[in-house]
């Protein structure tokens, strides 16, 4: 059975292509996917099935009929994992840049979850089938440390620490611009971007409280090398906050410039430190990860002038 979504076109939405408008209103739906639904006759404007892309007028009723999603089939895959630490209750993974954490529609293979299901099959019973054991995530192009729970009690207690901001997470980043001050705090609410549902942004209305802190480790003529700490954990928080203060991450093509600088087109952001209380045994655990080769090479390039 198809799910129907309805929207009334407001003054600011007049003369915007229907596919573009729906992409801003439906999380997880790209313009290409919406265009396919239009071709299937599943989009109506004021009761009429539209052909191709049209633009609505104020007061028009826009309706889209969404076919039921087919359940994802997440299968084990023999993908190498760099395991920093393991015991009966948890794993510490050093995730490489380019590895997606969990499957989604159209991206069901080659993820960290596929690798975990192969390495430790019982993890499929922890939390849910699409994110088994995943306590927190890193973006595809962010490398570094993640904690994964191997059983439900560990998952619950680690999730509680995460929610209470008791898990220490520190990152290293290379950003555009030479920052004069020694460091600072960025306190700005984050929510879904009003014009692009795939992005996040600093938004004063409906944004969730977000706080990041940064320290300048080294400054160059056009770039800065930072350590960044998360006090909250919003989606894309570091990337959004640094872009907000005018210092987007080098290689971040979403929140920074789309032009390549230093030949880099993947973001220079690495989760180098992770600390928390052991969810079962108690006691503080803390781990560090060295810079990936690519990140270190860029840093060497900057230091050599």
C-alpha atoms as a PDB file:
ATOM      1  CA  UNK A   1       0.000   0.000   0.000  1.00  0.00           C
ATOM      2  CA  UNK A   2       1.375   3.379  -1.013  1.00  0.00           C
ATOM      3  CA  UNK A   3       1.851   6.137   1.574  1.00  0.00           C
ATOM      4  CA  UNK A   4       0.483   9.536   0.556  1.00  0.00           C
ATOM      5  CA  UNK A   5       2.183  12.799   1.513  1.00  0.00           C
ATOM      6  CA  UNK A   6       0.446  16.113   0.908  1.00  0.00           C
ATOM      7  CA  UNK A   7       1.756  19.683   0.933  1.00  0.00           C
ATOM      8  CA  UNK A   8       0.215  23.084   0.246  1.00  0.00           C
ATOM      9  CA  UNK A   9       2.450  25.385  -1.771  1.00  0.00           C
ATOM     10  CA  UNK A  10       3.193  28.607   0.086  1.00  0.00           C
ATOM     11  CA  UNK A  11       4.315  32.035  -1.169  1.00  0.00           C
ATOM     12  CA  UNK A  12       8.027  31.177  -0.897  1.00  0.00           C
ATOM     13  CA  UNK A  13       7.527  27.897  -2.795  1.00  0.00           C
ATOM     14  CA  UNK A  14       5.818  29.298  -5.859  1.00  0.00           C
ATOM     15  CA  UNK A  15       7.639  28.797  -9.158  1.00  0.00           C
ATOM     16  CA  UNK A  16       9.977  26.155  -7.734  1.00  0.00           C
ATOM     17  CA  UNK A  17      10.256  22.924  -9.709  1.00  0.00           C
ATOM     18  CA  UNK A  18       8.219  20.157  -8.108  1.00  0.00           C
ATOM     19  CA  UNK A  19      11.122  17.706  -7.936  1.00  0.00           C
ATOM     20  CA  UNK A  20      13.330  20.259  -6.181  1.00  0.00           C
ATOM     21  CA  UNK A  21      10.543  21.249  -3.791  1.00  0.00           C
ATOM     22  CA  UNK A  22       9.746  17.666  -2.802  1.00  0.00           C
ATOM     23  CA  UNK A  23      13.435  16.895  -2.265  1.00  0.00           C
ATOM     24  CA  UNK A  24      13.523  19.608   0.412  1.00  0.00           C
ATOM     25  CA  UNK A  25      10.421  18.215   2.118  1.00  0.00           C
ATOM     26  CA  UNK A  26      11.135  14.470   2.072  1.00  0.00           C
ATOM     27  CA  UNK A  27      14.168  13.305   4.021  1.00  0.00           C
ATOM     28  CA  UNK A  28      16.036  10.538   2.228  1.00  0.00           C
ATOM     29  CA  UNK A  29      14.531  11.283  -1.201  1.00  0.00           C
ATOM     30  CA  UNK A  30      16.875  12.691  -3.843  1.00  0.00           C
ATOM     31  CA  UNK A  31      15.660  14.718  -6.812  1.00  0.00           C
ATOM     32  CA  UNK A  32      16.544  11.809  -9.094  1.00  0.00           C
ATOM     33  CA  UNK A  33      14.405   9.454  -7.021  1.00  0.00           C
ATOM     34  CA  UNK A  34      11.490  11.893  -7.028  1.00  0.00           C
ATOM     35  CA  UNK A  35      11.831  12.305 -10.793  1.00  0.00           C
ATOM     36  CA  UNK A  36      11.405   8.537 -11.141  1.00  0.00           C
ATOM     37  CA  UNK A  37       8.201   8.733  -9.089  1.00  0.00           C
ATOM     38  CA  UNK A  38       6.974  11.539 -11.341  1.00  0.00           C
ATOM     39  CA  UNK A  39       7.636   9.337 -14.395  1.00  0.00           C
ATOM     40  CA  UNK A  40       5.620   6.562 -12.701  1.00  0.00           C
ATOM     41  CA  UNK A  41       2.637   8.919 -12.347  1.00  0.00           C
ATOM     42  CA  UNK A  42       2.868   9.060  -8.549  1.00  0.00           C
ATOM     43  CA  UNK A  43       2.924  12.846  -8.145  1.00  0.00           C
ATOM     44  CA  UNK A  44      -0.171  15.054  -8.461  1.00  0.00           C
ATOM     45  CA  UNK A  45      -0.650  18.811  -8.452  1.00  0.00           C
ATOM     46  CA  UNK A  46      -4.137  19.964  -7.485  1.00  0.00           C
ATOM     47  CA  UNK A  47      -5.526  16.536  -8.374  1.00  0.00           C
ATOM     48  CA  UNK A  48      -3.817  16.209 -11.750  1.00  0.00           C
ATOM     49  CA  UNK A  49      -1.024  13.719 -12.429  1.00  0.00           C
ATOM     50  CA  UNK A  50       1.966  15.711 -13.609  1.00  0.00           C
ATOM     51  CA  UNK A  51       4.188  14.802 -16.536  1.00  0.00           C
ATOM     52  CA  UNK A  52       7.719  16.071 -16.287  1.00  0.00           C
ATOM     53  CA  UNK A  53       8.638  18.877 -13.952  1.00  0.00           C
ATOM     54  CA  UNK A  54       6.197  21.706 -13.435  1.00  0.00           C
ATOM     55  CA  UNK A  55       6.046  24.636 -11.046  1.00  0.00           C
ATOM     56  CA  UNK A  56       3.165  25.163  -8.662  1.00  0.00           C
ATOM     57  CA  UNK A  57       1.312  28.264  -7.577  1.00  0.00           C
ATOM     58  CA  UNK A  58       0.369  29.483  -4.115  1.00  0.00           C
ATOM     59  CA  UNK A  59      -2.411  27.315  -2.714  1.00  0.00           C
ATOM     60  CA  UNK A  60      -1.835  24.365  -5.031  1.00  0.00           C
ATOM     61  CA  UNK A  61      -2.010  20.980  -3.330  1.00  0.00           C
ATOM     62  CA  UNK A  62       1.002  18.820  -4.039  1.00  0.00           C
ATOM     63  CA  UNK A  63       0.605  15.076  -3.415  1.00  0.00           C
ATOM     64  CA  UNK A  64       3.116  12.265  -3.763  1.00  0.00           C
ATOM     65  CA  UNK A  65       2.420   8.555  -3.375  1.00  0.00           C
ATOM     66  CA  UNK A  66       5.396   6.711  -1.896  1.00  0.00           C
ATOM     67  CA  UNK A  67       5.735   2.997  -2.686  1.00  0.00           C
ATOM     68  CA  UNK A  68       6.460   0.796   0.348  1.00  0.00           C
ATOM     69  CA  UNK A  69      10.143   0.369   1.027  1.00  0.00           C
ATOM     70  CA  UNK A  70      11.548  -3.092   0.485  1.00  0.00           C
ATOM     71  CA  UNK A  71      13.315  -4.315   3.633  1.00  0.00           C
ATOM     72  CA  UNK A  72      17.072  -4.125   3.397  1.00  0.00           C
ATOM     73  CA  UNK A  73      18.915  -7.412   3.327  1.00  0.00           C
ATOM     74  CA  UNK A  74      22.132  -6.801   5.220  1.00  0.00           C
ATOM     75  CA  UNK A  75      24.540  -9.676   4.701  1.00  0.00           C
ATOM     76  CA  UNK A  76      27.927 -10.464   6.282  1.00  0.00           C
ATOM     77  CA  UNK A  77      30.944  -9.489   4.195  1.00  0.00           C
ATOM     78  CA  UNK A  78      34.616 -10.293   4.714  1.00  0.00           C
ATOM     79  CA  UNK A  79      35.755  -6.686   4.889  1.00  0.00           C
ATOM     80  CA  UNK A  80      39.004  -6.116   6.836  1.00  0.00           C
ATOM     81  CA  UNK A  81      38.619  -4.343  10.165  1.00  0.00           C
ATOM     82  CA  UNK A  82      41.302  -2.551  12.144  1.00  0.00           C
ATOM     83  CA  UNK A  83      40.455  -3.545  15.705  1.00  0.00           C
ATOM     84  CA  UNK A  84      42.234  -1.417  18.309  1.00  0.00           C
ATOM     85  CA  UNK A  85      40.741  -3.199  21.328  1.00  0.00           C
ATOM     86  CA  UNK A  86      38.299  -6.021  22.017  1.00  0.00           C
ATOM     87  CA  UNK A  87      36.817  -7.792  25.019  1.00  0.00           C
ATOM     88  CA  UNK A  88      33.596  -9.723  25.720  1.00  0.00           C
ATOM     89  CA  UNK A  89      31.495  -6.561  25.707  1.00  0.00           C
ATOM     90  CA  UNK A  90      32.815  -4.162  23.087  1.00  0.00           C
ATOM     91  CA  UNK A  91      35.057  -3.449  20.116  1.00  0.00           C
ATOM     92  CA  UNK A  92      37.081  -0.347  19.329  1.00  0.00           C
ATOM     93  CA  UNK A  93      37.341   0.081  15.560  1.00  0.00           C
ATOM     94  CA  UNK A  94      39.666   2.417  13.691  1.00  0.00           C
ATOM     95  CA  UNK A  95      37.443   3.241  10.703  1.00  0.00           C
ATOM     96  CA  UNK A  96      39.198   4.181   7.463  1.00  0.00           C
ATOM     97  CA  UNK A  97      38.135   7.144   5.378  1.00  0.00           C
ATOM     98  CA  UNK A  98      35.636   6.119   2.695  1.00  0.00           C
ATOM     99  CA  UNK A  99      33.900   3.370   4.684  1.00  0.00           C
ATOM    100  CA  UNK A 100      30.157   3.911   5.261  1.00  0.00           C
ATOM    101  CA  UNK A 101      29.063   2.902   8.769  1.00  0.00           C
ATOM    102  CA  UNK A 102      25.638   1.378   8.158  1.00  0.00           C
ATOM    103  CA  UNK A 103      23.541   0.346   5.139  1.00  0.00           C
ATOM    104  CA  UNK A 104      20.792   2.438   3.590  1.00  0.00           C
ATOM    105  CA  UNK A 105      18.565   2.113   0.549  1.00  0.00           C
ATOM    106  CA  UNK A 106      20.770   1.736  -2.504  1.00  0.00           C
ATOM    107  CA  UNK A 107      23.849   1.198  -0.350  1.00  0.00           C
ATOM    108  CA  UNK A 108      23.379  -2.214   1.237  1.00  0.00           C
ATOM    109  CA  UNK A 109      26.885  -3.566   0.806  1.00  0.00           C
ATOM    110  CA  UNK A 110      30.431  -2.702   1.737  1.00  0.00           C
ATOM    111  CA  UNK A 111      29.636  -1.010   5.057  1.00  0.00           C
ATOM    112  CA  UNK A 112      31.064  -1.350   8.542  1.00  0.00           C
ATOM    113  CA  UNK A 113      27.907  -3.207   9.589  1.00  0.00           C
ATOM    114  CA  UNK A 114      28.448  -5.822   6.854  1.00  0.00           C
ATOM    115  CA  UNK A 115      31.996  -6.279   8.153  1.00  0.00           C
ATOM    116  CA  UNK A 116      30.830  -6.588  11.787  1.00  0.00           C
ATOM    117  CA  UNK A 117      28.244  -9.233  10.889  1.00  0.00           C
ATOM    118  CA  UNK A 118      31.010 -11.326   9.326  1.00  0.00           C
ATOM    119  CA  UNK A 119      33.526 -10.778  12.119  1.00  0.00           C
ATOM    120  CA  UNK A 120      31.107 -11.326  15.038  1.00  0.00           C
ATOM    121  CA  UNK A 121      27.774 -12.858  13.873  1.00  0.00           C
ATOM    122  CA  UNK A 122      26.002 -12.589  17.308  1.00  0.00           C
ATOM    123  CA  UNK A 123      26.097  -8.803  16.943  1.00  0.00           C
ATOM    124  CA  UNK A 124      23.023  -9.050  14.694  1.00  0.00           C
ATOM    125  CA  UNK A 125      20.909  -9.339  17.882  1.00  0.00           C
ATOM    126  CA  UNK A 126      22.244  -6.087  19.400  1.00  0.00           C
ATOM    127  CA  UNK A 127      20.094  -2.951  19.031  1.00  0.00           C
ATOM    128  CA  UNK A 128      18.543  -3.201  15.534  1.00  0.00           C
ATOM    129  CA  UNK A 129      19.224  -5.064  12.288  1.00  0.00           C
ATOM    130  CA  UNK A 130      20.466  -2.043  10.324  1.00  0.00           C
ATOM    131  CA  UNK A 131      22.750  -0.658  13.048  1.00  0.00           C
ATOM    132  CA  UNK A 132      23.686  -3.680  15.161  1.00  0.00           C
ATOM    133  CA  UNK A 133      26.004  -2.623  17.971  1.00  0.00           C
ATOM    134  CA  UNK A 134      26.559   0.859  16.543  1.00  0.00           C
ATOM    135  CA  UNK A 135      26.668   3.289  19.481  1.00  0.00           C
ATOM    136  CA  UNK A 136      27.709   6.354  17.458  1.00  0.00           C
ATOM    137  CA  UNK A 137      28.702   6.919  13.855  1.00  0.00           C
ATOM    138  CA  UNK A 138      31.274   8.713  11.774  1.00  0.00           C
ATOM    139  CA  UNK A 139      30.677  10.195   8.339  1.00  0.00           C
ATOM    140  CA  UNK A 140      31.885   8.189   5.360  1.00  0.00           C
ATOM    141  CA  UNK A 141      34.843  10.517   4.801  1.00  0.00           C
ATOM    142  CA  UNK A 142      35.740  10.879   8.482  1.00  0.00           C
ATOM    143  CA  UNK A 143      38.324   8.401   9.728  1.00  0.00           C
ATOM    144  CA  UNK A 144      39.038   7.304  13.272  1.00  0.00           C
ATOM    145  CA  UNK A 145      37.825   5.616  16.425  1.00  0.00           C
ATOM    146  CA  UNK A 146      34.397   4.150  17.085  1.00  0.00           C
ATOM    147  CA  UNK A 147      33.085   2.000  19.920  1.00  0.00           C
ATOM    148  CA  UNK A 148      30.797  -0.921  19.021  1.00  0.00           C
ATOM    149  CA  UNK A 149      28.767  -2.870  21.598  1.00  0.00           C
ATOM    150  CA  UNK A 150      28.770  -6.691  21.446  1.00  0.00           C
ATOM    151  CA  UNK A 151      25.702  -7.208  23.652  1.00  0.00           C
ATOM    152  CA  UNK A 152      22.548  -5.365  24.677  1.00  0.00           C
ATOM    153  CA  UNK A 153      23.619  -4.381  28.256  1.00  0.00           C
ATOM    154  CA  UNK A 154      26.814  -2.813  26.877  1.00  0.00           C
ATOM    155  CA  UNK A 155      24.898  -1.041  24.127  1.00  0.00           C
ATOM    156  CA  UNK A 156      22.372   0.406  26.576  1.00  0.00           C
ATOM    157  CA  UNK A 157      25.011   1.704  29.004  1.00  0.00           C
ATOM    158  CA  UNK A 158      27.218   3.147  26.298  1.00  0.00           C
ATOM    159  CA  UNK A 159      24.192   4.832  24.702  1.00  0.00           C
ATOM    160  CA  UNK A 160      23.356   6.347  28.106  1.00  0.00           C
ATOM    161  CA  UNK A 161      26.893   7.736  28.396  1.00  0.00           C
ATOM    162  CA  UNK A 162      26.632   9.166  24.891  1.00  0.00           C
ATOM    163  CA  UNK A 163      23.302  10.820  25.656  1.00  0.00           C
ATOM    164  CA  UNK A 164      24.717  12.327  28.858  1.00  0.00           C
ATOM    165  CA  UNK A 165      27.803  13.609  26.941  1.00  0.00           C
ATOM    166  CA  UNK A 166      30.058  11.429  29.091  1.00  0.00           C
ATOM    167  CA  UNK A 167      31.975   9.916  26.170  1.00  0.00           C
ATOM    168  CA  UNK A 168      35.120  11.846  25.309  1.00  0.00           C
ATOM    169  CA  UNK A 169      35.490  12.405  21.572  1.00  0.00           C
ATOM    170  CA  UNK A 170      38.333  14.451  20.151  1.00  0.00           C
ATOM    171  CA  UNK A 171      39.084  15.107  16.489  1.00  0.00           C
ATOM    172  CA  UNK A 172      41.904  16.534  14.413  1.00  0.00           C
ATOM    173  CA  UNK A 173      41.062  18.753  11.451  1.00  0.00           C
ATOM    174  CA  UNK A 174      42.725  20.909   8.836  1.00  0.00           C
ATOM    175  CA  UNK A 175      40.572  23.918   8.032  1.00  0.00           C
ATOM    176  CA  UNK A 176      40.645  26.823   5.624  1.00  0.00           C
ATOM    177  CA  UNK A 177      41.998  30.090   6.982  1.00  0.00           C
ATOM    178  CA  UNK A 178      44.687  30.971   9.516  1.00  0.00           C
ATOM    179  CA  UNK A 179      42.957  31.321  12.904  1.00  0.00           C
ATOM    180  CA  UNK A 180      44.607  34.013  15.001  1.00  0.00           C
ATOM    181  CA  UNK A 181      43.240  33.055  18.427  1.00  0.00           C
ATOM    182  CA  UNK A 182      44.492  30.052  20.417  1.00  0.00           C
ATOM    183  CA  UNK A 183      41.061  28.425  20.406  1.00  0.00           C
ATOM    184  CA  UNK A 184      37.418  28.978  21.161  1.00  0.00           C
ATOM    185  CA  UNK A 185      33.921  27.606  21.633  1.00  0.00           C
ATOM    186  CA  UNK A 186      31.180  27.384  19.018  1.00  0.00           C
ATOM    187  CA  UNK A 187      27.739  27.395  20.605  1.00  0.00           C
ATOM    188  CA  UNK A 188      25.101  27.390  17.869  1.00  0.00           C
ATOM    189  CA  UNK A 189      21.966  25.245  17.376  1.00  0.00           C
ATOM    190  CA  UNK A 190      21.961  22.727  14.528  1.00  0.00           C
ATOM    191  CA  UNK A 191      19.010  21.449  12.523  1.00  0.00           C
ATOM    192  CA  UNK A 192      18.035  20.331   9.056  1.00  0.00           C
ATOM    193  CA  UNK A 193      19.010  22.812   6.342  1.00  0.00           C
ATOM    194  CA  UNK A 194      15.850  24.714   5.301  1.00  0.00           C
ATOM    195  CA  UNK A 195      16.665  24.446   1.587  1.00  0.00           C
ATOM    196  CA  UNK A 196      18.418  21.070   1.379  1.00  0.00           C
ATOM    197  CA  UNK A 197      17.143  18.115   3.432  1.00  0.00           C
ATOM    198  CA  UNK A 198      20.417  16.244   2.939  1.00  0.00           C
ATOM    199  CA  UNK A 199      22.392  18.911   4.779  1.00  0.00           C
ATOM    200  CA  UNK A 200      22.467  20.300   8.297  1.00  0.00           C
ATOM    201  CA  UNK A 201      22.877  23.962   9.214  1.00  0.00           C
ATOM    202  CA  UNK A 202      23.004  26.398  12.101  1.00  0.00           C
ATOM    203  CA  UNK A 203      19.331  27.292  12.536  1.00  0.00           C
ATOM    204  CA  UNK A 204      17.846  29.433  15.274  1.00  0.00           C
ATOM    205  CA  UNK A 205      14.381  27.945  14.976  1.00  0.00           C
ATOM    206  CA  UNK A 206      13.913  24.184  15.556  1.00  0.00           C
ATOM    207  CA  UNK A 207      17.649  23.706  15.917  1.00  0.00           C
ATOM    208  CA  UNK A 208      19.042  21.507  18.694  1.00  0.00           C
ATOM    209  CA  UNK A 209      21.594  22.868  21.138  1.00  0.00           C
ATOM    210  CA  UNK A 210      25.142  22.167  19.975  1.00  0.00           C
ATOM    211  CA  UNK A 211      28.516  23.025  21.504  1.00  0.00           C
ATOM    212  CA  UNK A 212      31.963  22.411  20.054  1.00  0.00           C
ATOM    213  CA  UNK A 213      35.354  23.524  21.317  1.00  0.00           C
ATOM    214  CA  UNK A 214      38.558  23.881  19.324  1.00  0.00           C
ATOM    215  CA  UNK A 215      42.238  24.491  19.952  1.00  0.00           C
ATOM    216  CA  UNK A 216      44.739  25.627  17.321  1.00  0.00           C
ATOM    217  CA  UNK A 217      47.627  23.182  17.184  1.00  0.00           C
ATOM    218  CA  UNK A 218      49.399  24.909  14.311  1.00  0.00           C
ATOM    219  CA  UNK A 219      48.603  27.720  11.923  1.00  0.00           C
ATOM    220  CA  UNK A 220      49.771  28.204   8.358  1.00  0.00           C
ATOM    221  CA  UNK A 221      49.378  31.032   5.860  1.00  0.00           C
ATOM    222  CA  UNK A 222      46.016  29.839   4.513  1.00  0.00           C
ATOM    223  CA  UNK A 223      45.095  26.922   6.791  1.00  0.00           C
ATOM    224  CA  UNK A 224      44.933  25.880  10.447  1.00  0.00           C
ATOM    225  CA  UNK A 225      45.479  22.533  12.120  1.00  0.00           C
ATOM    226  CA  UNK A 226      42.957  22.050  14.933  1.00  0.00           C
ATOM    227  CA  UNK A 227      41.986  19.740  17.737  1.00  0.00           C
ATOM    228  CA  UNK A 228      38.217  19.747  18.199  1.00  0.00           C
ATOM    229  CA  UNK A 229      36.164  18.437  21.114  1.00  0.00           C
ATOM    230  CA  UNK A 230      32.471  17.572  21.036  1.00  0.00           C
ATOM    231  CA  UNK A 231      30.330  18.572  24.000  1.00  0.00           C
ATOM    232  CA  UNK A 232      27.207  17.492  22.082  1.00  0.00           C
ATOM    233  CA  UNK A 233      26.853  15.109  19.159  1.00  0.00           C
ATOM    234  CA  UNK A 234      24.627  16.512  16.420  1.00  0.00           C
ATOM    235  CA  UNK A 235      24.746  15.205  12.863  1.00  0.00           C
ATOM    236  CA  UNK A 236      27.722  16.741  10.992  1.00  0.00           C
ATOM    237  CA  UNK A 237      28.305  18.983  14.027  1.00  0.00           C
ATOM    238  CA  UNK A 238      32.014  19.708  13.585  1.00  0.00           C
ATOM    239  CA  UNK A 239      31.677  20.270   9.847  1.00  0.00           C
ATOM    240  CA  UNK A 240      28.696  22.601  10.268  1.00  0.00           C
ATOM    241  CA  UNK A 241      30.179  24.547  13.192  1.00  0.00           C
ATOM    242  CA  UNK A 242      33.562  25.135  11.566  1.00  0.00           C
ATOM    243  CA  UNK A 243      31.903  26.244   8.324  1.00  0.00           C
ATOM    244  CA  UNK A 244      29.649  28.541  10.372  1.00  0.00           C
ATOM    245  CA  UNK A 245      32.643  30.450  11.790  1.00  0.00           C
ATOM    246  CA  UNK A 246      34.167  30.757   8.328  1.00  0.00           C
ATOM    247  CA  UNK A 247      36.718  27.949   8.593  1.00  0.00           C
ATOM    248  CA  UNK A 248      35.304  24.924   6.723  1.00  0.00           C
ATOM    249  CA  UNK A 249      37.251  21.679   6.762  1.00  0.00           C
ATOM    250  CA  UNK A 250      39.714  21.195   3.936  1.00  0.00           C
ATOM    251  CA  UNK A 251      38.221  18.802   1.390  1.00  0.00           C
ATOM    252  CA  UNK A 252      34.639  19.088   2.668  1.00  0.00           C
ATOM    253  CA  UNK A 253      32.739  19.473  -0.598  1.00  0.00           C
ATOM    254  CA  UNK A 254      29.356  19.765   1.153  1.00  0.00           C
ATOM    255  CA  UNK A 255      29.925  22.483   3.757  1.00  0.00           C
ATOM    256  CA  UNK A 256      33.035  24.067   2.283  1.00  0.00           C
ATOM    257  CA  UNK A 257      34.183  25.028  -1.180  1.00  0.00           C
ATOM    258  CA  UNK A 258      33.518  22.661  -4.093  1.00  0.00           C
ATOM    259  CA  UNK A 259      36.866  23.631  -5.570  1.00  0.00           C
ATOM    260  CA  UNK A 260      39.773  21.298  -4.818  1.00  0.00           C
ATOM    261  CA  UNK A 261      42.515  22.784  -2.679  1.00  0.00           C
ATOM    262  CA  UNK A 262      45.894  21.045  -2.425  1.00  0.00           C
ATOM    263  CA  UNK A 263      44.360  18.343  -4.614  1.00  0.00           C
ATOM    264  CA  UNK A 264      42.105  17.224  -1.749  1.00  0.00           C
ATOM    265  CA  UNK A 265      38.452  16.256  -2.306  1.00  0.00           C
ATOM    266  CA  UNK A 266      37.835  14.253   0.895  1.00  0.00           C
ATOM    267  CA  UNK A 267      37.558  15.970   4.252  1.00  0.00           C
ATOM    268  CA  UNK A 268      40.565  16.240   6.542  1.00  0.00           C
ATOM    269  CA  UNK A 269      38.789  15.166   9.730  1.00  0.00           C
ATOM    270  CA  UNK A 270      40.024  12.347  11.970  1.00  0.00           C
ATOM    271  CA  UNK A 271      38.521  11.040  15.234  1.00  0.00           C
ATOM    272  CA  UNK A 272      41.816  10.520  17.049  1.00  0.00           C
ATOM    273  CA  UNK A 273      40.740  10.116  20.678  1.00  0.00           C
ATOM    274  CA  UNK A 274      37.907   8.208  22.355  1.00  0.00           C
ATOM    275  CA  UNK A 275      37.304   7.729  26.077  1.00  0.00           C
ATOM    276  CA  UNK A 276      34.463   6.281  28.190  1.00  0.00           C
ATOM    277  CA  UNK A 277      33.671   4.192  31.239  1.00  0.00           C
ATOM    278  CA  UNK A 278      33.592   0.464  30.536  1.00  0.00           C
ATOM    279  CA  UNK A 279      29.883  -0.421  30.366  1.00  0.00           C
ATOM    280  CA  UNK A 280      30.210  -3.679  32.357  1.00  0.00           C
ATOM    281  CA  UNK A 281      33.501  -3.746  34.269  1.00  0.00           C
ATOM    282  CA  UNK A 282      33.646  -0.051  35.065  1.00  0.00           C
ATOM    283  CA  UNK A 283      36.797   2.023  34.909  1.00  0.00           C
ATOM    284  CA  UNK A 284      37.860   4.605  32.370  1.00  0.00           C
ATOM    285  CA  UNK A 285      39.142   3.466  28.963  1.00  0.00           C
ATOM    286  CA  UNK A 286      40.847   5.816  26.552  1.00  0.00           C
ATOM    287  CA  UNK A 287      42.226   5.183  23.072  1.00  0.00           C
ATOM    288  CA  UNK A 288      44.122   7.219  20.488  1.00  0.00           C
ATOM    289  CA  UNK A 289      44.592   6.710  16.764  1.00  0.00           C
ATOM    290  CA  UNK A 290      47.507   8.027  14.685  1.00  0.00           C
ATOM    291  CA  UNK A 291      46.841  10.242  11.709  1.00  0.00           C
ATOM    292  CA  UNK A 292      46.015   8.345   8.500  1.00  0.00           C
ATOM    293  CA  UNK A 293      48.708   8.479   5.831  1.00  0.00           C
ATOM    294  CA  UNK A 294      46.736  10.839   3.573  1.00  0.00           C
ATOM    295  CA  UNK A 295      46.054  13.296   6.413  1.00  0.00           C
ATOM    296  CA  UNK A 296      49.693  13.221   7.510  1.00  0.00           C
ATOM    297  CA  UNK A 297      50.856  13.794   3.926  1.00  0.00           C
ATOM    298  CA  UNK A 298      48.733  16.960   3.662  1.00  0.00           C
ATOM    299  CA  UNK A 299      50.076  18.171   6.999  1.00  0.00           C
ATOM    300  CA  UNK A 300      53.632  17.524   5.822  1.00  0.00           C
ATOM    301  CA  UNK A 301      52.905  19.444   2.647  1.00  0.00           C
ATOM    302  CA  UNK A 302      51.701  22.459   4.640  1.00  0.00           C
ATOM    303  CA  UNK A 303      54.677  22.323   7.009  1.00  0.00           C
ATOM    304  CA  UNK A 304      57.093  22.243   4.097  1.00  0.00           C
ATOM    305  CA  UNK A 305      55.470  25.350   2.630  1.00  0.00           C
END
